C-alpha atoms as a PDB file:
ATOM      1  CA  MET A   1     -35.720  46.602 -18.243  1.00  0.00           C
ATOM      2  CA  LYS A   2     -38.680  43.976 -16.324  1.00  0.00           C
ATOM      3  CA  ASN A   3     -37.647  41.522 -18.875  1.00  0.00           C
ATOM      4  CA  LEU A   4     -34.110  42.158 -18.891  1.00  0.00           C
ATOM      5  CA  TYR A   5     -34.262  41.848 -14.986  1.00  0.00           C
ATOM      6  CA  ILE A   6     -35.538  38.680 -15.195  1.00  0.00           C
ATOM      7  CA  LYS A   7     -33.193  37.185 -18.182  1.00  0.00           C
ATOM      8  CA  LYS A   8     -30.188  38.344 -15.831  1.00  0.00           C
ATOM      9  CA  ILE A   9     -31.518  36.362 -12.617  1.00  0.00           C
ATOM     10  CA  GLU A  10     -32.560  33.379 -15.159  1.00  0.00           C
ATOM     11  CA  PHE A  11     -29.004  32.991 -16.583  1.00  0.00           C
ATOM     12  CA  ARG A  12     -27.260  33.504 -13.003  1.00  0.00           C
ATOM     13  CA  LYS A  13     -29.452  30.840 -11.775  1.00  0.00           C
ATOM     14  CA  ASP A  14     -28.737  28.611 -14.449  1.00  0.00           C
ATOM     15  CA  ILE A  15     -24.699  29.249 -14.115  1.00  0.00           C
ATOM     16  CA  PHE A  16     -25.671  28.401 -10.212  1.00  0.00           C
ATOM     17  CA  PHE A  17     -26.787  25.516 -11.128  1.00  0.00           C
ATOM     18  CA  ARG A  18     -24.566  23.667 -13.789  1.00  0.00           C
ATOM     19  CA  ILE A  19     -21.748  24.731 -11.517  1.00  0.00           C
ATOM     20  CA  THR A  20     -23.484  22.443  -7.939  1.00  0.00           C
ATOM     21  CA  ALA A  21     -24.366  19.424 -10.872  1.00  0.00           C
ATOM     22  CA  GLY A  22     -20.686  19.916 -11.871  1.00  0.00           C
ATOM     23  CA  ILE A  23     -19.726  19.425  -7.725  1.00  0.00           C
ATOM     24  CA  ILE A  24     -22.021  16.507  -7.123  1.00  0.00           C
ATOM     25  CA  VAL A  25     -21.211  14.831  -9.896  1.00  0.00           C
ATOM     26  CA  PHE A  26     -17.420  15.330  -9.450  1.00  0.00           C
ATOM     27  CA  TRP A  27     -17.689  13.742  -6.192  1.00  0.00           C
ATOM     28  CA  LEU A  28     -19.675  11.054  -7.019  1.00  0.00           C
ATOM     29  CA  GLY A  29     -16.892  10.344  -9.527  1.00  0.00           C
ATOM     30  CA  ILE A  30     -14.695   9.976  -6.772  1.00  0.00           C
ATOM     31  CA  ALA A  31     -17.200   8.149  -4.670  1.00  0.00           C
ATOM     32  CA  PHE A  32     -17.405   5.544  -7.188  1.00  0.00           C
ATOM     33  CA  PHE A  33     -13.966   5.119  -8.156  1.00  0.00           C
ATOM     34  CA  SER A  34     -12.344   4.740  -4.569  1.00  0.00           C
ATOM     35  CA  HIS A  35     -15.034   1.888  -3.977  1.00  0.00           C
ATOM     36  CA  SER A  36     -14.223   0.263  -7.437  1.00  0.00           C
ATOM     37  CA  GLN A  37     -10.154   0.475  -6.945  1.00  0.00           C
ATOM     38  CA  PRO A  38      -8.551  -2.210  -4.850  1.00  0.00           C
ATOM     39  CA  ASP A  39      -7.105  -1.300  -1.585  1.00  0.00           C
ATOM     40  CA  LEU A  40      -3.291  -1.216  -2.247  1.00  0.00           C
ATOM     41  CA  THR A  41      -2.671   0.522   1.278  1.00  0.00           C
ATOM     42  CA  PRO A  42      -1.897  -1.253   4.863  1.00  0.00           C
ATOM     43  CA  SER A  43      -4.633  -2.087   6.745  1.00  0.00           C
ATOM     44  CA  LEU A  44      -5.264   0.389   9.663  1.00  0.00           C
ATOM     45  CA  THR A  45      -7.173  -1.603  12.270  1.00  0.00           C
ATOM     46  CA  THR A  46      -6.157  -2.156  15.870  1.00  0.00           C
ATOM     47  CA  THR A  47      -5.392  -5.881  15.363  1.00  0.00           C
ATOM     48  CA  SER A  48      -2.585  -5.905  12.605  1.00  0.00           C
ATOM     49  CA  PRO A  49       0.518  -2.913  13.030  1.00  0.00           C
ATOM     50  CA  ILE A  50       0.431  -0.436  11.246  1.00  0.00           C
ATOM     51  CA  PHE A  51       4.438   0.069  10.962  1.00  0.00           C
ATOM     52  CA  SER A  52       6.475  -2.900  11.650  1.00  0.00           C
ATOM     53  CA  ASP A  53      10.347  -3.436  11.203  1.00  0.00           C
ATOM     54  CA  GLN A  54      10.149  -6.699  11.424  1.00  0.00           C
ATOM     55  CA  LEU A  55       7.369  -7.410   9.323  1.00  0.00           C
ATOM     56  CA  LEU A  56       8.876  -4.998   6.227  1.00  0.00           C
ATOM     57  CA  LEU A  57      12.205  -6.595   6.791  1.00  0.00           C
ATOM     58  CA  ASP A  58      11.279 -10.445   6.710  1.00  0.00           C
ATOM     59  CA  GLY A  59       8.445  -9.629   3.720  1.00  0.00           C
ATOM     60  CA  TYR A  60      10.983  -8.235   1.653  1.00  0.00           C
ATOM     61  CA  THR A  61      13.719 -10.870   2.156  1.00  0.00           C
ATOM     62  CA  GLN A  62      11.149 -13.184   1.781  1.00  0.00           C
ATOM     63  CA  THR A  63      10.128 -11.734  -2.184  1.00  0.00           C
ATOM     64  CA  TYR A  64      14.064 -11.493  -2.925  1.00  0.00           C
ATOM     65  CA  ARG A  65      15.079 -14.906  -2.052  1.00  0.00           C
ATOM     66  CA  SER A  66      14.359 -16.074  -5.744  1.00  0.00           C
ATOM     67  CA  GLU A  67      15.735 -13.172  -7.094  1.00  0.00           C
ATOM     68  CA  PRO A  68      19.545 -14.074  -9.336  1.00  0.00           C
ATOM     69  CA  LYS A  69      22.929 -12.815  -7.716  1.00  0.00           C
ATOM     70  CA  GLU A  70      22.525 -10.102 -10.482  1.00  0.00           C
ATOM     71  CA  VAL A  71      19.555  -8.416  -9.727  1.00  0.00           C
ATOM     72  CA  ILE A  72      20.178  -8.248  -5.583  1.00  0.00           C
ATOM     73  CA  LEU A  73      23.652  -7.158  -6.421  1.00  0.00           C
ATOM     74  CA  ALA A  74      22.378  -4.410  -8.535  1.00  0.00           C
ATOM     75  CA  MET A  75      19.702  -3.418  -5.781  1.00  0.00           C
ATOM     76  CA  ILE A  76      22.461  -3.263  -3.016  1.00  0.00           C
ATOM     77  CA  GLN A  77      24.376  -0.539  -5.750  1.00  0.00           C
ATOM     78  CA  ASP A  78      21.229   0.985  -6.317  1.00  0.00           C
ATOM     79  CA  ASP A  79      21.394   4.473  -3.990  1.00  0.00           C
ATOM     80  CA  THR A  80      17.927   4.926  -4.419  1.00  0.00           C
ATOM     81  CA  LEU A  81      16.675   1.774  -2.767  1.00  0.00           C
ATOM     82  CA  ASP A  82      14.534   2.088   0.377  1.00  0.00           C
ATOM     83  CA  ASP A  83      16.297   1.340   3.331  1.00  0.00           C
ATOM     84  CA  TYR A  84      14.156  -2.168   4.135  1.00  0.00           C
ATOM     85  CA  LYS A  85      14.779  -3.223   0.460  1.00  0.00           C
ATOM     86  CA  MET A  86      18.538  -2.730   1.080  1.00  0.00           C
ATOM     87  CA  ALA A  87      18.594  -4.092   4.421  1.00  0.00           C
ATOM     88  CA  ALA A  88      16.525  -7.216   2.995  1.00  0.00           C
ATOM     89  CA  SER A  89      18.794  -7.116  -0.327  1.00  0.00           C
ATOM     90  CA  VAL A  90      22.252  -7.819   1.907  1.00  0.00           C
ATOM     91  CA  ARG A  91      20.170 -10.002   4.006  1.00  0.00           C
ATOM     92  CA  VAL A  92      19.729 -12.209   0.736  1.00  0.00           C
ATOM     93  CA  PHE A  93      22.988 -11.901  -0.656  1.00  0.00           C
ATOM     94  CA  ARG A  94      25.038 -13.019   2.747  1.00  0.00           C
ATOM     95  CA  SER A  95      22.599 -16.645   2.927  1.00  0.00           C
ATOM     96  CA  LYS A  96      22.341 -17.361  -1.131  1.00  0.00           C
ATOM     97  CA  PHE A  97      25.886 -15.582  -2.574  1.00  0.00           C
ATOM     98  CA  SER A  98      28.423 -15.000   0.186  1.00  0.00           C
ATOM     99  CA  GLN A  99      30.027 -18.032   0.515  1.00  0.00           C
ATOM    100  CA  GLU A 100      30.993 -18.661  -3.547  1.00  0.00           C
ATOM    101  CA  LEU A 101      32.316 -16.261  -4.673  1.00  0.00           C
ATOM    102  CA  PHE A 102      36.170 -16.377  -6.159  1.00  0.00           C
ATOM    103  CA  LEU A 103      38.657 -14.117  -4.755  1.00  0.00           C
ATOM    104  CA  ARG A 104      38.367 -11.175  -7.514  1.00  0.00           C
ATOM    105  CA  GLU A 105      34.937 -10.990  -7.508  1.00  0.00           C
ATOM    106  CA  LYS A 106      35.041 -11.311  -3.343  1.00  0.00           C
ATOM    107  CA  ARG A 107      37.119  -8.446  -3.432  1.00  0.00           C
ATOM    108  CA  ALA A 108      35.165  -6.224  -5.553  1.00  0.00           C
ATOM    109  CA  LEU A 109      32.172  -7.116  -3.278  1.00  0.00           C
ATOM    110  CA  GLU A 110      33.967  -5.900  -0.024  1.00  0.00           C
ATOM    111  CA  LYS A 111      34.369  -2.644  -1.899  1.00  0.00           C
ATOM    112  CA  ILE A 112      30.678  -2.242  -2.530  1.00  0.00           C
ATOM    113  CA  LEU A 113      29.396  -3.030   0.655  1.00  0.00           C
ATOM    114  CA  LEU A 114      31.953  -1.497   2.527  1.00  0.00           C
ATOM    115  CA  ARG A 115      30.674   1.844   0.333  1.00  0.00           C
ATOM    116  CA  ARG A 116      27.420   1.188   0.860  1.00  0.00           C
ATOM    117  CA  LEU A 117      28.459   0.871   5.151  1.00  0.00           C
ATOM    118  CA  ASN A 118      29.375   4.227   4.517  1.00  0.00           C
ATOM    119  CA  ARG A 119      26.627   5.627   2.969  1.00  0.00           C
ATOM    120  CA  THR A 120      24.173   4.484   4.334  1.00  0.00           C
ATOM    121  CA  ASP A 121      22.011   6.000   7.056  1.00  0.00           C
ATOM    122  CA  SER A 122      20.107   3.214   8.735  1.00  0.00           C
ATOM    123  CA  ILE A 123      20.694   0.694  11.506  1.00  0.00           C
ATOM    124  CA  PHE A 124      19.598  -1.960   9.691  1.00  0.00           C
ATOM    125  CA  VAL A 125      21.191  -1.970   6.561  1.00  0.00           C
ATOM    126  CA  GLU A 126      24.196  -0.962   8.780  1.00  0.00           C
ATOM    127  CA  ILE A 127      23.665  -4.159  10.554  1.00  0.00           C
ATOM    128  CA  GLU A 128      23.045  -6.290   7.720  1.00  0.00           C
ATOM    129  CA  VAL A 129      26.157  -5.372   5.845  1.00  0.00           C
ATOM    130  CA  MET A 130      28.586  -5.445   8.914  1.00  0.00           C
ATOM    131  CA  LEU A 131      27.681  -8.826   9.644  1.00  0.00           C
ATOM    132  CA  THR A 132      28.024  -9.755   5.402  1.00  0.00           C
ATOM    133  CA  LEU A 133      31.349  -8.786   6.137  1.00  0.00           C
ATOM    134  CA  CYS A 134      32.018 -10.768   9.440  1.00  0.00           C
ATOM    135  CA  HIS A 135      30.796 -14.210   6.935  1.00  0.00           C
ATOM    136  CA  MET A 136      32.719 -13.006   3.683  1.00  0.00           C
ATOM    137  CA  ASP A 137      36.058 -12.343   5.349  1.00  0.00           C
ATOM    138  CA  ARG A 138      35.886 -13.480   9.476  1.00  0.00           C
ATOM    139  CA  TYR A 139      39.901 -12.751   9.720  1.00  0.00           C
ATOM    140  CA  LYS A 140      39.671  -9.527   8.277  1.00  0.00           C
ATOM    141  CA  TYR A 141      36.194  -8.175  10.012  1.00  0.00           C
ATOM    142  CA  PHE A 142      35.579  -9.672  13.171  1.00  0.00           C
ATOM    143  CA  VAL A 143      37.756  -7.608  15.472  1.00  0.00           C
ATOM    144  CA  SER A 144      36.409  -4.157  13.846  1.00  0.00           C
ATOM    145  CA  MET A 145      32.369  -5.035  13.315  1.00  0.00           C
ATOM    146  CA  ILE A 146      31.609  -7.208  16.577  1.00  0.00           C
ATOM    147  CA  PRO A 147      32.038  -4.983  18.987  1.00  0.00           C
ATOM    148  CA  THR A 148      30.036  -2.196  17.317  1.00  0.00           C
ATOM    149  CA  LEU A 149      27.117  -5.051  16.185  1.00  0.00           C
ATOM    150  CA  ILE A 150      27.260  -5.885  20.347  1.00  0.00           C
ATOM    151  CA  GLN A 151      26.446  -2.095  21.175  1.00  0.00           C
ATOM    152  CA  LYS A 152      23.248  -2.884  19.010  1.00  0.00           C
ATOM    153  CA  LEU A 153      22.067  -4.428  21.950  1.00  0.00           C
ATOM    154  CA  ASP A 154      21.485  -1.867  23.845  1.00  0.00           C
ATOM    155  CA  HIS A 155      19.313   0.018  21.266  1.00  0.00           C
ATOM    156  CA  TYR A 156      15.845   1.190  22.270  1.00  0.00           C
ATOM    157  CA  ASN A 157      14.635  -0.566  18.609  1.00  0.00           C
ATOM    158  CA  LYS A 158      13.835  -4.128  19.625  1.00  0.00           C
ATOM    159  CA  THR A 159      13.464  -4.962  15.791  1.00  0.00           C
ATOM    160  CA  VAL A 160      17.641  -3.930  16.151  1.00  0.00           C
ATOM    161  CA  ASN A 161      18.725  -5.938  19.432  1.00  0.00           C
ATOM    162  CA  GLU A 162      16.899  -9.184  17.682  1.00  0.00           C
ATOM    163  CA  ILE A 163      18.903  -8.843  14.278  1.00  0.00           C
ATOM    164  CA  ALA A 164      21.825  -7.877  15.705  1.00  0.00           C
ATOM    165  CA  TYR A 165      21.867 -10.610  18.402  1.00  0.00           C
ATOM    166  CA  GLN A 166      20.714 -13.767  15.920  1.00  0.00           C
ATOM    167  CA  GLY A 167      23.155 -12.172  13.541  1.00  0.00           C
ATOM    168  CA  ILE A 168      25.862 -12.623  16.141  1.00  0.00           C
ATOM    169  CA  ASN A 169      24.537 -15.878  17.062  1.00  0.00           C
ATOM    170  CA  GLU A 170      24.548 -17.292  13.815  1.00  0.00           C
ATOM    171  CA  LEU A 171      28.547 -16.287  12.948  1.00  0.00           C
ATOM    172  CA  LEU A 172      29.720 -17.562  16.675  1.00  0.00           C
ATOM    173  CA  LYS A 173      27.465 -20.870  15.515  1.00  0.00           C
ATOM    174  CA  ASN A 174      29.636 -23.826  15.964  1.00  0.00           C
ATOM    175  CA  GLN A 175      32.999 -22.352  16.320  1.00  0.00           C
ATOM    176  CA  ASN A 176      35.315 -21.838  19.357  1.00  0.00           C
ATOM    177  CA  ARG A 177      37.979 -19.748  18.211  1.00  0.00           C
ATOM    178  CA  THR A 178      39.902 -18.270  21.299  1.00  0.00           C
ATOM    179  CA  ARG A 179      40.622 -14.542  19.226  1.00  0.00           C
ATOM    180  CA  GLU A 180      36.973 -14.168  18.843  1.00  0.00           C
ATOM    181  CA  ALA A 181      35.802 -15.370  22.268  1.00  0.00           C
ATOM    182  CA  ARG A 182      38.610 -12.703  23.449  1.00  0.00           C
ATOM    183  CA  ILE A 183      36.933 -10.091  21.387  1.00  0.00           C
ATOM    184  CA  VAL A 184      33.797 -10.881  22.317  1.00  0.00           C
ATOM    185  CA  PHE A 185      34.812 -11.003  26.166  1.00  0.00           C
ATOM    186  CA  ASN A 186      36.516  -7.811  26.603  1.00  0.00           C
ATOM    187  CA  THR A 187      33.416  -5.915  24.627  1.00  0.00           C
ATOM    188  CA  LEU A 188      30.955  -7.141  27.317  1.00  0.00           C
ATOM    189  CA  GLN A 189      33.552  -6.622  29.974  1.00  0.00           C
ATOM    190  CA  LYS A 190      33.269  -3.477  28.963  1.00  0.00           C
ATOM    191  CA  ASN A 191      30.122  -2.755  28.810  1.00  0.00           C
ATOM    192  CA  LEU A 192      29.093  -4.465  32.352  1.00  0.00           C
ATOM    193  CA  PHE A 193      31.431  -2.726  33.809  1.00  0.00           C
ATOM    194  CA  LEU A 194      29.801   0.534  32.437  1.00  0.00           C
ATOM    195  CA  SER A 195      26.334  -0.450  33.910  1.00  0.00           C
ATOM    196  CA  ARG A 196      27.832  -2.383  37.416  1.00  0.00           C
ATOM    197  CA  LYS A 197      25.509   0.224  39.535  1.00  0.00           C
ATOM    198  CA  ARG A 198      22.234  -0.431  37.657  1.00  0.00           C
ATOM    199  CA  LEU A 199      23.350  -4.599  37.534  1.00  0.00           C
ATOM    200  CA  SER A 200      23.336  -4.553  41.382  1.00  0.00           C
ATOM    201  CA  ASN A 201      19.732  -4.037  41.608  1.00  0.00           C
ATOM    202  CA  ILE A 202      18.744  -6.510  38.860  1.00  0.00           C
ATOM    203  CA  LYS A 203      16.753  -9.838  40.239  1.00  0.00           C
ATOM    204  CA  GLU A 204      15.417 -10.754  36.814  1.00  0.00           C
ATOM    205  CA  PRO A 205      17.816  -9.840  33.682  1.00  0.00           C
ATOM    206  CA  ASP A 206      15.837  -8.329  30.698  1.00  0.00           C
ATOM    207  CA  GLU A 207      15.794  -9.167  27.053  1.00  0.00           C
ATOM    208  CA  LYS A 208      18.709  -7.104  26.426  1.00  0.00           C
ATOM    209  CA  LEU A 209      21.126  -8.119  29.526  1.00  0.00           C
ATOM    210  CA  LYS A 210      20.049 -11.992  28.521  1.00  0.00           C
ATOM    211  CA  GLN A 211      21.004 -11.475  25.331  1.00  0.00           C
ATOM    212  CA  LYS A 212      24.686 -10.498  26.767  1.00  0.00           C
ATOM    213  CA  LEU A 213      25.115 -12.664  29.330  1.00  0.00           C
ATOM    214  CA  SER A 214      24.299 -15.274  26.541  1.00  0.00           C
ATOM    215  CA  LEU A 215      27.198 -13.836  24.601  1.00  0.00           C
ATOM    216  CA  LEU A 216      29.092 -14.072  27.729  1.00  0.00           C
ATOM    217  CA  ARG A 217      28.819 -17.580  28.396  1.00  0.00           C
ATOM    218  CA  TRP A 218      29.916 -18.501  25.345  1.00  0.00           C
ATOM    219  CA  SER A 219      33.146 -16.426  25.462  1.00  0.00           C
ATOM    220  CA  ILE A 220      33.939 -17.962  28.968  1.00  0.00           C
ATOM    221  CA  LYS A 221      33.211 -21.726  27.755  1.00  0.00           C
ATOM    222  CA  ILE A 222      36.064 -21.413  24.793  1.00  0.00           C
ATOM    223  CA  LEU A 223      38.263 -19.285  27.489  1.00  0.00           C
ATOM    224  CA  GLY A 224      37.924 -21.254  31.069  1.00  0.00           C
ATOM    225  CA  THR A 225      36.355 -20.367  33.552  1.00  0.00           C
ATOM    226  CA  GLU A 226      39.477 -18.386  35.297  1.00  0.00           C
ATOM    227  CA  GLU A 227      37.786 -14.806  32.878  1.00  0.00           C
ATOM    228  CA  LEU A 228      35.010 -15.052  35.898  1.00  0.00           C
ATOM    229  CA  ASN A 229      37.342 -12.814  37.826  1.00  0.00           C
ATOM    230  CA  LYS A 230      37.801 -10.310  35.465  1.00  0.00           C
ATOM    231  CA  LEU A 231      34.122  -9.237  35.631  1.00  0.00           C
ATOM    232  CA  PRO A 232      32.272  -6.933  38.022  1.00  0.00           C
ATOM    233  CA  LYS A 233      31.279  -8.763  40.913  1.00  0.00           C
ATOM    234  CA  GLU A 234      27.112  -7.972  40.071  1.00  0.00           C
ATOM    235  CA  VAL A 235      27.505 -10.177  36.950  1.00  0.00           C
ATOM    236  CA  ILE A 236      28.331 -13.312  38.893  1.00  0.00           C
ATOM    237  CA  PRO A 237      24.547 -13.987  40.272  1.00  0.00           C
ATOM    238  CA  LEU A 238      22.911 -13.360  36.888  1.00  0.00           C
ATOM    239  CA  LEU A 239      25.218 -15.881  35.507  1.00  0.00           C
END
């Protein structure tokens, strides 16, 4: 009986040591593997941003600039594509291909972009699509898209403000169309009247207000200085 008891103890010890050794080998293997593989995750140091909308959009845009039109269009129609990749692909399409379309192709692509606009929950995709539609057909889309884009200038996200403002400026650059100036002026006029109480206490405009005032000055330059009389009095000193 004594020998049997001793054998049981030795058997249990053997099981214990085998399990312990297995655990040690397992963790050593993980440690070795993690040190031997390249780090594919973003840097988490305090000197570089963990998450930046602007960097992601610009990075994907730069990556996709070398892609042919067929690939970019396939990406735009891919419902599973990441929002940042989708916004970047629409931006690349606008800058490279939107001005070289035949009539039938243009109509088909308008439908694709409108479908994407109706399906997206991403404000970045929304802005890029609206700007692209305006570039493709100013007369058809300017009146409906620009007021919405101007509203984005009040968004809490700085990247949203910036891409909306830069996109509008790109549309208005070297343009002096009265119809478009009237749309911009009327939109800003309503916006500024709604915020006139806040404007009365402002001495130095912040970035968002500077963007609006810049667009307002563009519209007044085309429409004439008599439009100043239609603005709230609090705006005049800021101009």
